[in-house]
Amino acid sequence: MSIYKFCLKCITSTSQFYWYIGIRIISGISSVAVPFVMGRIINLFTDNKLNIESLMTLCGVMIFMGAIKTIAEYFGTLQYAKLQANIAYKLNAETLFRVQKMPLSFFRQFDSAYYNQQINHDSNDLVIFIIDSTTNVIANGLTVLLIFVIILKINFHLFILCVTLTVLYAILYWGFKKHLYSKGFSYQEKSAYFFSALFDQLDKVELIKKHTLFSKFAQKLERAFESVFCALYENQKIIANFTLSTSIISLLSQGILFIVGAYEIARGYLIPGYLISIVTYYSTLTTTAKYFLDWGKSYQDARVCQDRLDAIWSKPPENNGLERVRSINSLCCSNITFGYDNEKNEVLNDFSALFAAGYIYAITGQNGCGKSTVVKLLLGLYPTDYSGTIQYNGINLQDIDLYDLRAHSVGITEQEPTIIEDSIINNLTLLCDDPDMSLLDFYIDALGLRDFIKQLPDGLETKLTEQNQNLSGGEKQKIAIIRLLLKNPDVLIFDEPTSALDSASKTQFIDILMGIKHNHIIILITHDQSIADVCDYVIPL
C-alpha cells in the first residue's frame, strides 16, 4: 500500500473526517450566502421607497448566517486538530515500525538524527496536505460552484471575467511548478543534514571534549549551515517570485472587475448592490483560486515528503520465516562463513558448533575474532548474509519466525547493556509481560543489588537518568542479567556478563546458571578464564 493510500485510508476510516467535511461545507455555504444577502440589503436602499420589514428580515438572515459561519469555523478548528494529530501519529508509528523491520545492514551507516527529523517532518507535512486536499477541495470546490452560479444569474459578462481570471491563475502555476518542486526538495534534504550536524554537537560532546575537537565540529556545523542557507534562500526566492506574480495578477484583475462592473451598471444590466456582492465574491474567488494554486505548490512539497518516505517504505524488510520453535533442545551451526558489508575479510570462516540443552558453553577468543558475530547470527540478525546452516531443533534459521524466536525462545545480555530512561523496576522487567516478583526478589538479593536499591530515594521506582549516571557498570550488568533470567528463554546468551561484576556477584551468577542449566542452552561469550573453566564446553575462535 502506498503512503498516500495508507494516509487516505486512515483519514476516511474515522468519523472525525466526515464531521470535519460537514463543518467545512456549512462554513462555505454561509460564506457564500452573506455577500448575496448584503447585496440585497444595498439594493433596498436604492429603491425609492425603503421596505423596513424586508430590510430587518435580510439583516437578521445576514447576522444568522454570519453566526453559523463563526460557529462552524470554531468547531472545525478543534476537529481538524484531533484529526491531524491522530493520523500523523499513525503514519509516524507505521514508518518507524517499517524501519525497525529492515535488515541490520541498513543500520550500518544509519543516521538516527537525520531519519528522526525526516520521518517526523515528512509525516506531519504529508498528513496535513492530504487532510487539506480531501476537505478543502470539496469545500472550496462547492463554494466556487455556488459563487459561479450566483454570478452567472446576476451578470453573464462578469461571470466570463471570473472564469478568465481563474484560467490565468492556472497558467501561472504551470509556469512555476517544476521550480517549486526542485527547490523545495533540495531545501528539505539540506535541512535534514543540518539538523543531523546540529545533533552531533550534543551527541558527541564527550568525544569533542576529550580530544578538543571544538574547532573541527564547529567547521562541520558551519558547512552544513552554509549548505542549508543557500537552499533556503533559493527556495524562498522562487516562492517570493511566485507570490509576487499572483499578487500582480490579483490587483490588475480587481481593477478590471470594477471597470466592467461600472460599465454594466451604466448600461442598466447590473444593480449597484449586486456589484458589491460580486466584488466580495471576487475576493472569495481570489482566496479560493490562491488556495488551488497553493494546493499545486503544496502538492509539489508533499511530493517531496512522499518521495522521501517512499524511499523508506519501498526498502524490503528483512526476511522472516513462518515456523515457530518452542522447547529448544538443540542448536547446530554448520560451516558458517560470514563477512560484514564492505569488508573484504571474512569474520567467520567455516565455523561449526553444536549446542544442546543441559550444558553451559563458553565461546572464547581474542577481540575481533568473531565472538559477537556468532551471537548476532544465532539471533537471526543476518538471516540471509552467511553461508552454511544454523538450525534450531533441526529447523533452518531461514524458515523460523525470528521475531517470535527472539521474543520467546532466545535471549541475550549485551556487552554494553542498554538501560532505558524509566524506573529500575521497569528496566528489570523489560523483557517480561508478567514477571515472577518472588523470583525477581531472589535475583536482586543473589546478585547483590539490594543494598544499592535501598540507598535510592524511591527504591525500585527510582527513575534512571538519560545518561544513566546513577548506575555503575556492574549495576548495569546485573540489571541486564536479571531481566534475561526473568524472561527465562530456552537459549540464554550472555556477552561478557561478568566484566564489571565483583567476585561475590560473579560466584552467585555462576551458581544461578548451574541451577537452571538442566533445561536450557546457555552460551557465554567471555575473556574470563575463571568463567570458561566452569563451563561444560569451551569453543575457541
Protein backbone atom coordinates (compact mmCIF):
# COMPACT_ATOMS: atom_id res chain seq x y z
CA MET A 1 0.00 0.00 0.00
CA SER A 2 1.41 3.43 -0.95
CA ILE A 3 1.82 6.09 1.72
CA TYR A 4 -0.87 8.25 0.13
CA LYS A 5 -3.36 5.38 0.15
CA PHE A 6 -2.36 4.49 3.71
CA CYS A 7 -2.99 8.06 4.92
CA LEU A 8 -6.21 8.37 2.94
CA LYS A 9 -7.47 5.09 4.39
CA CYS A 10 -6.67 6.26 7.94
CA ILE A 11 -8.38 9.60 7.33
CA THR A 12 -11.56 8.29 5.71
CA SER A 13 -11.96 5.44 8.23
CA THR A 14 -12.63 7.82 11.13
CA SER A 15 -15.86 9.68 11.86
CA GLN A 16 -13.79 12.79 12.68
CA PHE A 17 -13.11 13.21 8.97
CA TYR A 18 -16.79 13.25 7.98
CA TRP A 19 -17.67 15.63 10.80
CA TYR A 20 -14.93 17.95 9.59
CA ILE A 21 -16.16 17.76 5.98
CA GLY A 22 -19.70 18.62 7.09
CA ILE A 23 -18.49 21.56 9.17
CA ARG A 24 -16.42 22.91 6.27
CA ILE A 25 -19.37 22.66 3.87
CA ILE A 26 -21.66 24.52 6.29
CA SER A 27 -18.99 27.21 6.71
CA GLY A 28 -18.61 27.51 2.91
CA ILE A 29 -22.36 27.83 2.27
CA SER A 30 -22.62 30.50 4.97
CA SER A 31 -19.73 32.42 3.40
CA VAL A 32 -21.49 32.41 0.03
CA ALA A 33 -24.86 33.47 1.45
CA VAL A 34 -23.63 36.53 3.37
CA PRO A 35 -22.44 38.66 0.36
CA PHE A 36 -25.60 37.87 -1.58
CA VAL A 37 -27.81 38.99 1.31
CA MET A 38 -25.63 42.07 1.74
CA GLY A 39 -26.18 42.97 -1.93
CA ARG A 40 -29.94 42.57 -1.47
CA ILE A 41 -29.82 44.95 1.50
CA ILE A 42 -27.94 47.60 -0.51
CA ASN A 43 -30.45 47.22 -3.34
CA LEU A 44 -33.26 48.07 -0.89
CA PHE A 45 -31.58 51.42 -0.22
CA THR A 46 -31.58 52.22 -3.93
CA ASP A 47 -35.36 51.83 -4.13
CA ASN A 48 -37.41 54.98 -3.97
CA LYS A 49 -39.44 53.52 -1.13
CA LEU A 50 -37.49 51.65 1.54
CA ASN A 51 -39.24 48.49 2.85
CA ILE A 52 -38.28 48.41 6.55
CA GLU A 53 -39.75 44.95 7.12
CA SER A 54 -37.71 43.42 4.27
CA LEU A 55 -34.62 45.28 5.48
CA MET A 56 -34.93 43.89 9.02
CA THR A 57 -35.54 40.36 7.70
CA LEU A 58 -32.47 40.47 5.46
CA CYS A 59 -30.33 41.92 8.27
CA GLY A 60 -31.48 39.09 10.54
CA VAL A 61 -30.64 36.50 7.88
CA MET A 62 -27.18 38.02 7.37
CA ILE A 63 -26.44 38.01 11.11
CA PHE A 64 -27.67 34.42 11.42
CA MET A 65 -25.54 33.20 8.51
CA GLY A 66 -22.50 35.03 9.92
CA ALA A 67 -23.06 33.37 13.30
CA ILE A 68 -23.34 29.95 11.64
CA LYS A 69 -20.05 30.56 9.82
CA THR A 70 -18.27 31.63 13.01
CA ILE A 71 -19.50 28.62 15.00
CA ALA A 72 -18.63 26.23 12.15
CA GLU A 73 -15.08 27.62 11.94
CA TYR A 74 -14.64 27.23 15.72
CA PHE A 75 -15.66 23.56 15.79
CA GLY A 76 -13.84 22.94 12.51
CA THR A 77 -10.55 24.12 14.07
CA LEU A 78 -10.97 21.71 17.00
CA GLN A 79 -11.96 18.80 14.77
CA TYR A 80 -9.02 19.43 12.45
CA ALA A 81 -6.55 19.39 15.36
CA LYS A 82 -7.78 15.96 16.52
CA LEU A 83 -7.82 14.54 13.00
CA GLN A 84 -4.36 15.78 12.05
CA ALA A 85 -2.69 14.66 15.30
CA ASN A 86 -4.16 11.14 15.17
CA ILE A 87 -3.31 10.48 11.52
CA ALA A 88 0.20 11.97 11.79
CA TYR A 89 0.88 9.68 14.75
CA LYS A 90 -0.30 6.62 12.80
CA LEU A 91 1.96 7.47 9.85
CA ASN A 92 4.93 8.18 12.15
CA ALA A 93 4.42 4.93 14.04
CA GLU A 94 3.92 2.86 10.88
CA THR A 95 7.07 4.32 9.28
CA LEU A 96 9.16 3.71 12.40
CA PHE A 97 7.80 0.16 12.57
CA ARG A 98 8.91 -0.40 8.96
CA VAL A 99 12.39 0.95 9.75
CA GLN A 100 12.65 -1.41 12.71
CA LYS A 101 11.85 -4.35 10.42
CA MET A 102 14.65 -3.55 7.96
CA PRO A 103 17.78 -5.73 7.74
CA LEU A 104 20.54 -4.90 10.19
CA SER A 105 22.79 -3.99 7.26
CA PHE A 106 20.55 -0.94 6.68
CA PHE A 107 21.74 0.48 10.01
CA ARG A 108 25.48 0.18 9.40
CA GLN A 109 25.59 3.80 8.18
CA PHE A 110 22.34 4.84 9.82
CA ASP A 111 21.98 8.46 11.00
CA SER A 112 19.25 8.32 13.63
CA ALA A 113 19.02 12.12 14.00
CA TYR A 114 18.59 12.58 10.24
CA TYR A 115 15.92 9.89 9.93
CA ASN A 116 14.10 11.04 13.06
CA GLN A 117 13.84 14.60 11.78
CA GLN A 118 12.93 13.44 8.28
CA ILE A 119 10.23 10.97 9.33
CA ASN A 120 8.59 13.36 11.79
CA HIS A 121 8.71 16.35 9.42
CA ASP A 122 7.61 14.48 6.31
CA SER A 123 4.85 12.55 8.09
CA ASN A 124 3.28 15.69 9.54
CA ASP A 125 3.55 17.70 6.34
CA LEU A 126 2.16 14.89 4.22
CA VAL A 127 -0.79 14.28 6.56
CA ILE A 128 -1.61 17.99 6.67
CA PHE A 129 -1.57 18.12 2.87
CA ILE A 130 -3.80 15.06 2.46
CA ILE A 131 -6.35 16.28 5.03
CA ASP A 132 -6.41 19.73 3.46
CA SER A 133 -6.74 18.23 -0.01
CA THR A 134 -9.61 15.90 0.81
CA THR A 135 -11.54 18.53 2.75
CA ASN A 136 -10.63 21.88 1.21
CA VAL A 137 -11.00 20.67 -2.37
CA ILE A 138 -14.55 19.57 -1.57
CA ALA A 139 -15.44 22.65 0.48
CA ASN A 140 -13.73 25.18 -1.78
CA GLY A 141 -14.95 23.43 -4.93
CA LEU A 142 -18.54 23.66 -3.67
CA THR A 143 -18.01 27.29 -2.70
CA VAL A 144 -16.67 28.20 -6.15
CA LEU A 145 -19.53 26.36 -7.87
CA LEU A 146 -22.14 28.24 -5.82
CA ILE A 147 -20.42 31.58 -6.45
CA PHE A 148 -20.21 31.00 -10.18
CA VAL A 149 -23.90 30.04 -10.30
CA ILE A 150 -24.88 33.22 -8.42
CA ILE A 151 -22.64 35.47 -10.55
CA LEU A 152 -23.96 33.87 -13.74
CA LYS A 153 -27.51 34.66 -12.67
CA ILE A 154 -26.52 38.25 -11.80
CA ASN A 155 -24.44 39.12 -14.87
CA PHE A 156 -23.07 36.99 -17.70
CA HIS A 157 -20.13 39.28 -18.59
CA LEU A 158 -18.84 39.30 -15.03
CA PHE A 159 -19.18 35.52 -14.97
CA ILE A 160 -16.93 35.22 -18.06
CA LEU A 161 -14.42 37.57 -16.45
CA CYS A 162 -14.23 35.49 -13.29
CA VAL A 163 -13.70 32.29 -15.29
CA THR A 164 -10.93 34.01 -17.27
CA LEU A 165 -9.15 35.09 -14.10
CA THR A 166 -9.20 31.52 -12.83
CA VAL A 167 -7.56 30.33 -16.04
CA LEU A 168 -4.84 32.99 -15.68
CA TYR A 169 -4.01 31.70 -12.20
CA ALA A 170 -3.80 28.13 -13.54
CA ILE A 171 -1.39 29.22 -16.30
CA LEU A 172 0.76 30.96 -13.70
CA TYR A 173 1.03 27.78 -11.64
CA TRP A 174 2.14 25.66 -14.58
CA GLY A 175 4.97 28.09 -15.14
CA PHE A 176 6.30 27.70 -11.61
CA LYS A 177 5.57 24.11 -10.52
CA LYS A 178 8.83 22.41 -11.59
CA HIS A 179 10.99 25.03 -9.89
CA LEU A 180 8.86 24.91 -6.75
CA TYR A 181 9.35 21.16 -6.50
CA SER A 182 13.10 21.06 -7.18
CA LYS A 183 13.94 23.92 -4.80
CA GLY A 184 11.67 22.51 -2.11
CA PHE A 185 13.25 19.06 -2.38
CA SER A 186 16.77 20.48 -2.18
CA TYR A 187 15.92 22.59 0.88
CA GLN A 188 14.33 19.73 2.82
CA GLU A 189 17.28 17.43 2.11
CA LYS A 190 19.84 20.05 3.19
CA SER A 191 17.70 20.89 6.24
CA ALA A 192 17.72 17.25 7.38
CA TYR A 193 21.51 17.08 7.09
CA PHE A 194 21.86 20.34 9.01
CA PHE A 195 19.78 19.00 11.90
CA SER A 196 21.93 15.88 11.85
CA ALA A 197 25.08 18.01 12.18
CA LEU A 198 23.39 20.01 14.92
CA PHE A 199 22.53 16.81 16.78
CA ASP A 200 26.16 15.70 16.56
CA GLN A 201 27.25 18.77 18.54
CA LEU A 202 25.44 17.39 21.60
CA ASP A 203 25.51 13.67 20.90
CA LYS A 204 29.30 13.60 20.64
CA VAL A 205 30.05 16.20 23.29
CA GLU A 206 32.20 13.76 25.29
CA LEU A 207 34.32 12.96 22.22
CA ILE A 208 34.64 16.68 21.45
CA LYS A 209 35.81 17.48 24.98
CA LYS A 210 38.20 14.53 25.25
CA HIS A 211 40.05 15.37 22.06
CA THR A 212 39.45 19.15 21.93
CA LEU A 213 37.55 18.91 18.65
CA PHE A 214 35.59 22.13 19.15
CA SER A 215 37.00 23.76 16.03
CA LYS A 216 36.51 20.76 13.71
CA PHE A 217 32.93 20.18 14.80
CA ALA A 218 32.20 23.91 14.57
CA GLN A 219 33.51 23.88 10.98
CA LYS A 220 31.36 20.85 10.20
CA LEU A 221 28.28 22.66 11.55
CA GLU A 222 29.16 25.82 9.64
CA ARG A 223 29.47 23.89 6.36
CA ALA A 224 26.10 22.26 6.99
CA PHE A 225 24.56 25.67 7.73
CA GLU A 226 26.01 27.26 4.61
CA SER A 227 24.55 24.45 2.55
CA VAL A 228 21.08 24.69 4.09
CA PHE A 229 21.18 28.50 3.99
CA CYS A 230 21.79 28.53 0.23
CA ALA A 231 19.00 26.00 -0.29
CA LEU A 232 16.69 28.03 1.99
CA TYR A 233 17.40 31.26 0.12
CA GLU A 234 16.83 29.70 -3.31
CA ASN A 235 13.61 28.09 -2.09
CA GLN A 236 12.29 31.34 -0.61
CA LYS A 237 13.32 33.23 -3.74
CA ILE A 238 11.20 31.06 -6.03
CA ILE A 239 8.31 31.25 -3.54
CA ALA A 240 8.62 35.05 -3.43
CA ASN A 241 8.61 35.26 -7.23
CA PHE A 242 5.55 33.05 -7.33
CA THR A 243 3.74 35.14 -4.69
CA LEU A 244 4.65 38.43 -6.39
CA SER A 245 3.29 37.22 -9.72
CA THR A 246 -0.02 36.15 -8.19
CA SER A 247 -0.35 39.49 -6.34
CA ILE A 248 0.17 41.50 -9.53
CA ILE A 249 -2.45 39.48 -11.39
CA SER A 250 -4.86 39.88 -8.45
CA LEU A 251 -4.51 43.68 -8.41
CA LEU A 252 -4.92 44.01 -12.17
CA SER A 253 -7.93 41.71 -12.18
CA GLN A 254 -9.64 43.63 -9.39
CA GLY A 255 -9.26 46.88 -11.35
CA ILE A 256 -10.69 45.26 -14.47
CA LEU A 257 -13.61 43.91 -12.45
CA PHE A 258 -14.56 47.39 -11.19
CA ILE A 259 -14.34 48.86 -14.70
CA VAL A 260 -16.54 46.14 -16.22
CA GLY A 261 -18.98 46.35 -13.29
CA ALA A 262 -19.30 50.13 -13.59
CA TYR A 263 -19.92 49.75 -17.32
CA GLU A 264 -22.68 47.18 -16.72
CA ILE A 265 -24.36 49.47 -14.15
CA ALA A 266 -24.23 52.37 -16.60
CA ARG A 267 -25.93 50.20 -19.22
CA GLY A 268 -28.60 49.18 -16.73
CA TYR A 269 -27.62 45.50 -16.71
CA LEU A 270 -26.47 45.46 -13.08
CA ILE A 271 -27.89 46.80 -9.82
CA PRO A 272 -25.26 48.57 -7.63
CA GLY A 273 -25.92 46.30 -4.64
CA TYR A 274 -25.06 43.22 -6.67
CA LEU A 275 -21.79 44.84 -7.79
CA ILE A 276 -20.82 44.94 -4.11
CA SER A 277 -21.81 41.26 -3.86
CA ILE A 278 -19.70 40.37 -6.90
CA VAL A 279 -16.72 42.35 -5.61
CA THR A 280 -16.97 40.45 -2.34
CA TYR A 281 -17.36 37.19 -4.24
CA TYR A 282 -14.31 38.06 -6.28
CA SER A 283 -12.31 38.37 -3.05
CA THR A 284 -13.55 34.91 -2.07
CA LEU A 285 -12.75 33.58 -5.55
CA THR A 286 -9.25 35.05 -5.33
CA THR A 287 -8.72 33.40 -1.97
CA THR A 288 -10.06 30.11 -3.30
CA ALA A 289 -8.04 30.40 -6.51
CA LYS A 290 -4.94 31.08 -4.42
CA TYR A 291 -5.77 28.01 -2.38
CA PHE A 292 -5.87 25.87 -5.50
CA LEU A 293 -2.63 27.47 -6.68
CA ASP A 294 -1.12 26.88 -3.26
CA TRP A 295 -2.53 23.38 -3.47
CA GLY A 296 -0.40 22.95 -6.56
CA LYS A 297 2.65 24.23 -4.70
CA SER A 298 1.71 22.21 -1.62
CA TYR A 299 1.36 19.18 -3.85
CA GLN A 300 4.94 19.66 -5.01
CA ASP A 301 6.09 19.97 -1.36
CA ALA A 302 4.02 16.91 -0.46
CA ARG A 303 5.62 15.00 -3.32
CA VAL A 304 8.99 15.72 -1.74
CA CYS A 305 7.73 14.34 1.58
CA GLN A 306 6.14 11.33 -0.09
CA ASP A 307 9.21 10.57 -2.20
CA ARG A 308 11.41 10.61 0.89
CA LEU A 309 9.01 8.44 2.88
CA ASP A 310 8.54 6.15 -0.13
CA ALA A 311 12.32 5.67 -0.14
CA ILE A 312 11.91 4.16 3.33
CA TRP A 313 8.68 2.26 2.69
CA SER A 314 10.00 0.79 -0.55
CA LYS A 315 13.01 -0.84 1.09
CA PRO A 316 12.36 -4.56 1.52
CA PRO A 317 12.02 -5.75 5.13
CA GLU A 318 14.34 -8.38 6.50
CA ASN A 319 13.46 -11.97 5.67
CA ASN A 320 11.41 -13.72 8.30
CA GLY A 321 10.14 -17.29 8.23
CA LEU A 322 6.87 -18.76 9.49
CA GLU A 323 7.95 -21.67 11.73
CA ARG A 324 7.61 -21.11 15.47
CA VAL A 325 10.08 -23.05 17.59
CA ARG A 326 9.39 -23.97 21.21
CA SER A 327 11.24 -26.10 23.79
CA ILE A 328 14.59 -25.77 22.05
CA ASN A 329 16.92 -28.65 22.93
CA SER A 330 19.48 -28.34 20.15
CA LEU A 331 21.21 -25.56 18.25
CA CYS A 332 23.52 -26.51 15.41
CA CYS A 333 25.90 -24.32 13.37
CA SER A 334 27.48 -25.98 10.34
CA ASN A 335 30.24 -24.48 8.17
CA ILE A 336 29.29 -20.86 8.82
CA THR A 337 31.15 -18.27 6.76
CA PHE A 338 30.28 -14.60 7.15
CA GLY A 339 31.62 -11.11 6.44
CA TYR A 340 30.02 -7.72 7.01
CA ASP A 341 29.13 -5.39 4.14
CA ASN A 342 32.06 -3.54 2.59
CA GLU A 343 34.55 -5.76 4.42
CA LYS A 344 36.82 -7.90 2.27
CA ASN A 345 37.96 -10.18 5.08
CA GLU A 346 35.57 -12.78 6.43
CA VAL A 347 34.83 -12.50 10.15
CA LEU A 348 33.90 -16.21 10.36
CA ASN A 349 35.24 -18.93 8.11
CA ASP A 350 33.77 -22.44 8.19
CA PHE A 351 32.63 -22.19 11.83
CA SER A 352 30.76 -25.19 13.23
CA ALA A 353 29.40 -25.90 16.71
CA LEU A 354 26.69 -27.94 18.38
CA PHE A 355 24.82 -26.67 21.45
CA ALA A 356 22.48 -28.89 23.49
CA ALA A 357 20.14 -28.27 26.42
CA GLY A 358 21.59 -29.05 29.83
CA TYR A 359 25.05 -27.61 29.16
CA ILE A 360 26.93 -24.35 29.52
CA TYR A 361 29.16 -23.30 26.64
CA ALA A 362 31.92 -20.70 26.59
CA ILE A 363 32.93 -19.04 23.31
CA THR A 364 36.40 -17.57 23.75
CA GLY A 365 38.98 -15.79 21.64
CA GLN A 366 40.78 -12.53 21.04
CA ASN A 367 39.00 -9.28 20.25
CA GLY A 368 37.78 -9.20 16.66
CA CYS A 369 37.79 -12.96 16.18
CA GLY A 370 34.01 -13.06 15.66
CA LYS A 371 32.54 -13.96 19.07
CA SER A 372 29.85 -11.26 18.99
CA THR A 373 29.25 -12.03 15.32
CA VAL A 374 28.36 -15.62 16.22
CA VAL A 375 25.80 -14.27 18.67
CA LYS A 376 24.23 -12.00 16.04
CA LEU A 377 23.96 -14.90 13.62
CA LEU A 378 22.38 -17.14 16.27
CA LEU A 379 19.83 -14.41 16.94
CA GLY A 380 18.99 -14.25 13.23
CA LEU A 381 20.10 -10.63 12.82
CA TYR A 382 21.75 -11.51 9.48
CA PRO A 383 19.45 -14.33 8.34
CA THR A 384 20.50 -14.38 4.67
CA ASP A 385 24.02 -12.96 4.75
CA TYR A 386 26.00 -16.08 5.66
CA SER A 387 26.81 -19.39 4.04
CA GLY A 388 26.30 -22.64 5.89
CA THR A 389 23.38 -23.65 8.11
CA ILE A 390 22.02 -22.67 11.51
CA GLN A 391 19.29 -24.91 12.89
CA TYR A 392 17.09 -24.82 15.98
CA ASN A 393 15.67 -28.28 16.73
CA GLY A 394 16.65 -29.25 13.20
CA ILE A 395 14.74 -26.35 11.59
CA ASN A 396 16.73 -23.98 9.36
CA LEU A 397 17.02 -20.44 10.65
CA GLN A 398 15.63 -19.00 7.38
CA ASP A 399 12.38 -20.92 7.93
CA ILE A 400 11.86 -19.70 11.51
CA ASP A 401 9.78 -16.71 12.65
CA LEU A 402 12.74 -14.78 14.03
CA TYR A 403 10.65 -12.19 15.89
CA ASP A 404 8.84 -14.98 17.73
CA LEU A 405 12.16 -16.75 18.33
CA ARG A 406 13.73 -13.71 19.95
CA ALA A 407 10.55 -12.83 21.84
CA HIS A 408 10.10 -16.23 23.48
CA SER A 409 12.89 -18.75 22.93
CA VAL A 410 16.22 -16.92 22.73
CA GLY A 411 17.56 -14.03 24.80
CA ILE A 412 20.79 -12.10 25.21
CA THR A 413 22.55 -9.71 27.56
CA GLU A 414 24.72 -7.28 25.62
CA GLN A 415 28.34 -6.49 26.46
CA GLU A 416 27.23 -2.88 26.96
CA PRO A 417 23.70 -3.25 28.39
CA THR A 418 21.07 -0.77 27.26
CA ILE A 419 19.27 0.92 30.13
CA ILE A 420 16.05 2.73 29.21
CA GLU A 421 15.04 6.03 30.77
CA ASP A 422 12.48 4.63 33.17
CA SER A 423 12.24 3.19 36.66
CA ILE A 424 14.57 0.44 37.87
CA ILE A 425 11.66 -1.99 38.20
CA ASN A 426 10.66 -1.38 34.58
CA ASN A 427 14.26 -1.91 33.47
CA LEU A 428 14.47 -5.17 35.40
CA THR A 429 11.20 -6.48 33.94
CA LEU A 430 11.71 -5.03 30.45
CA LEU A 431 11.65 -8.43 28.73
CA CYS A 432 8.66 -9.82 30.67
CA ASP A 433 4.96 -9.07 30.40
CA ASP A 434 4.10 -10.92 33.62
CA PRO A 435 7.27 -11.24 35.74
CA ASP A 436 7.53 -13.51 38.77
CA MET A 437 8.08 -10.96 41.55
CA SER A 438 9.31 -13.52 44.07
CA LEU A 439 11.91 -14.66 41.55
CA LEU A 440 12.83 -11.03 40.94
CA ASP A 441 13.47 -10.54 44.66
CA PHE A 442 15.62 -13.68 44.70
CA TYR A 443 17.81 -12.49 41.83
CA ILE A 444 18.14 -8.99 43.31
CA ASP A 445 19.44 -10.50 46.56
CA ALA A 446 21.58 -13.14 44.87
CA LEU A 447 23.42 -10.65 42.66
CA GLY A 448 23.88 -8.10 45.45
CA LEU A 449 21.67 -5.39 44.02
CA ARG A 450 19.53 -4.97 47.16
CA ASP A 451 21.85 -2.59 49.05
CA PHE A 452 22.10 -0.31 46.03
CA ILE A 453 18.30 -0.17 45.66
CA LYS A 454 17.81 0.58 49.39
CA GLN A 455 20.03 3.65 49.08
CA LEU A 456 17.82 5.18 46.42
CA PRO A 457 15.06 7.62 47.45
CA ASP A 458 12.28 5.73 45.65
CA GLY A 459 13.72 2.22 45.70
CA LEU A 460 12.70 0.18 42.68
CA GLU A 461 10.59 3.10 41.43
CA THR A 462 13.65 5.35 41.12
CA LYS A 463 13.90 6.84 37.65
CA LEU A 464 17.16 6.32 35.83
CA THR A 465 18.64 9.39 34.15
CA GLU A 466 19.04 9.68 30.40
CA GLN A 467 22.81 9.12 30.60
CA ASN A 468 22.38 6.53 33.42
CA GLN A 469 24.86 8.46 35.54
CA ASN A 470 23.34 6.96 38.67
CA LEU A 471 24.42 3.42 37.65
CA SER A 472 27.84 1.81 37.66
CA GLY A 473 28.94 -0.67 35.01
CA GLY A 474 28.41 -3.56 37.41
CA GLU A 475 24.89 -2.43 38.29
CA LYS A 476 24.01 -2.18 34.60
CA GLN A 477 25.27 -5.73 34.05
CA LYS A 478 23.25 -7.01 37.00
CA ILE A 479 20.07 -5.40 35.66
CA ALA A 480 20.70 -6.93 32.22
CA ILE A 481 21.34 -10.38 33.72
CA ILE A 482 18.21 -10.25 35.90
CA ARG A 483 15.97 -9.11 33.03
CA LEU A 484 17.15 -12.07 30.93
CA LEU A 485 16.79 -14.56 33.78
CA LEU A 486 13.24 -13.33 34.38
CA LYS A 487 12.42 -13.78 30.70
CA ASN A 488 13.73 -17.36 31.03
CA PRO A 489 14.06 -18.33 27.34
CA ASP A 490 15.23 -21.77 26.22
CA VAL A 491 18.53 -20.33 24.95
CA LEU A 492 20.35 -17.81 27.15
CA ILE A 493 23.29 -15.91 25.64
CA PHE A 494 25.49 -13.74 27.84
CA ASP A 495 28.03 -11.47 26.10
CA GLU A 496 30.86 -10.70 28.57
CA PRO A 497 28.40 -10.79 31.50
CA THR A 498 30.99 -10.62 34.31
CA SER A 499 33.40 -7.97 33.01
CA ALA A 500 32.19 -5.42 35.60
CA LEU A 501 30.98 -7.79 38.36
CA ASP A 502 32.67 -8.14 41.72
CA SER A 503 33.91 -11.61 42.73
CA ALA A 504 30.94 -12.35 45.01
CA SER A 505 28.39 -11.45 42.32
CA LYS A 506 30.37 -13.47 39.77
CA THR A 507 30.18 -16.52 42.01
CA GLN A 508 26.45 -16.07 42.54
CA PHE A 509 25.94 -15.68 38.79
CA ILE A 510 27.69 -18.99 38.10
CA ASP A 511 25.64 -20.70 40.84
CA ILE A 512 22.42 -19.42 39.23
CA LEU A 513 23.46 -20.77 35.82
CA MET A 514 24.34 -24.13 37.33
CA GLY A 515 20.90 -24.30 38.91
CA ILE A 516 18.97 -23.67 35.68
CA LYS A 517 21.18 -25.30 33.03
CA HIS A 518 19.37 -28.66 33.02
CA ASN A 519 16.62 -27.39 30.70
CA HIS A 520 18.43 -24.53 28.97
CA ILE A 521 21.13 -23.95 26.40
CA ILE A 522 23.49 -21.42 27.98
CA ILE A 523 26.17 -19.67 25.90
CA LEU A 524 28.76 -17.34 27.45
CA ILE A 525 30.94 -15.02 25.39
CA THR A 526 33.86 -14.37 27.70
CA HIS A 527 37.50 -13.41 28.14
CA ASP A 528 37.35 -14.50 31.78
CA GLN A 529 39.25 -17.79 32.15
CA SER A 530 37.65 -18.46 35.54
CA ILE A 531 34.23 -18.37 33.86
CA ALA A 532 35.37 -20.57 30.99
CA ASP A 533 36.76 -23.11 33.47
CA VAL A 534 33.32 -23.82 34.99
CA CYS A 535 31.61 -24.28 31.61
CA ASP A 536 30.91 -27.74 30.26
CA TYR A 537 32.40 -26.96 26.85
CA VAL A 538 34.76 -24.27 25.55
CA ILE A 539 34.57 -23.24 21.89
CA PRO A 540 37.67 -21.25 20.90
CA LEU A 541 37.61 -18.88 17.93
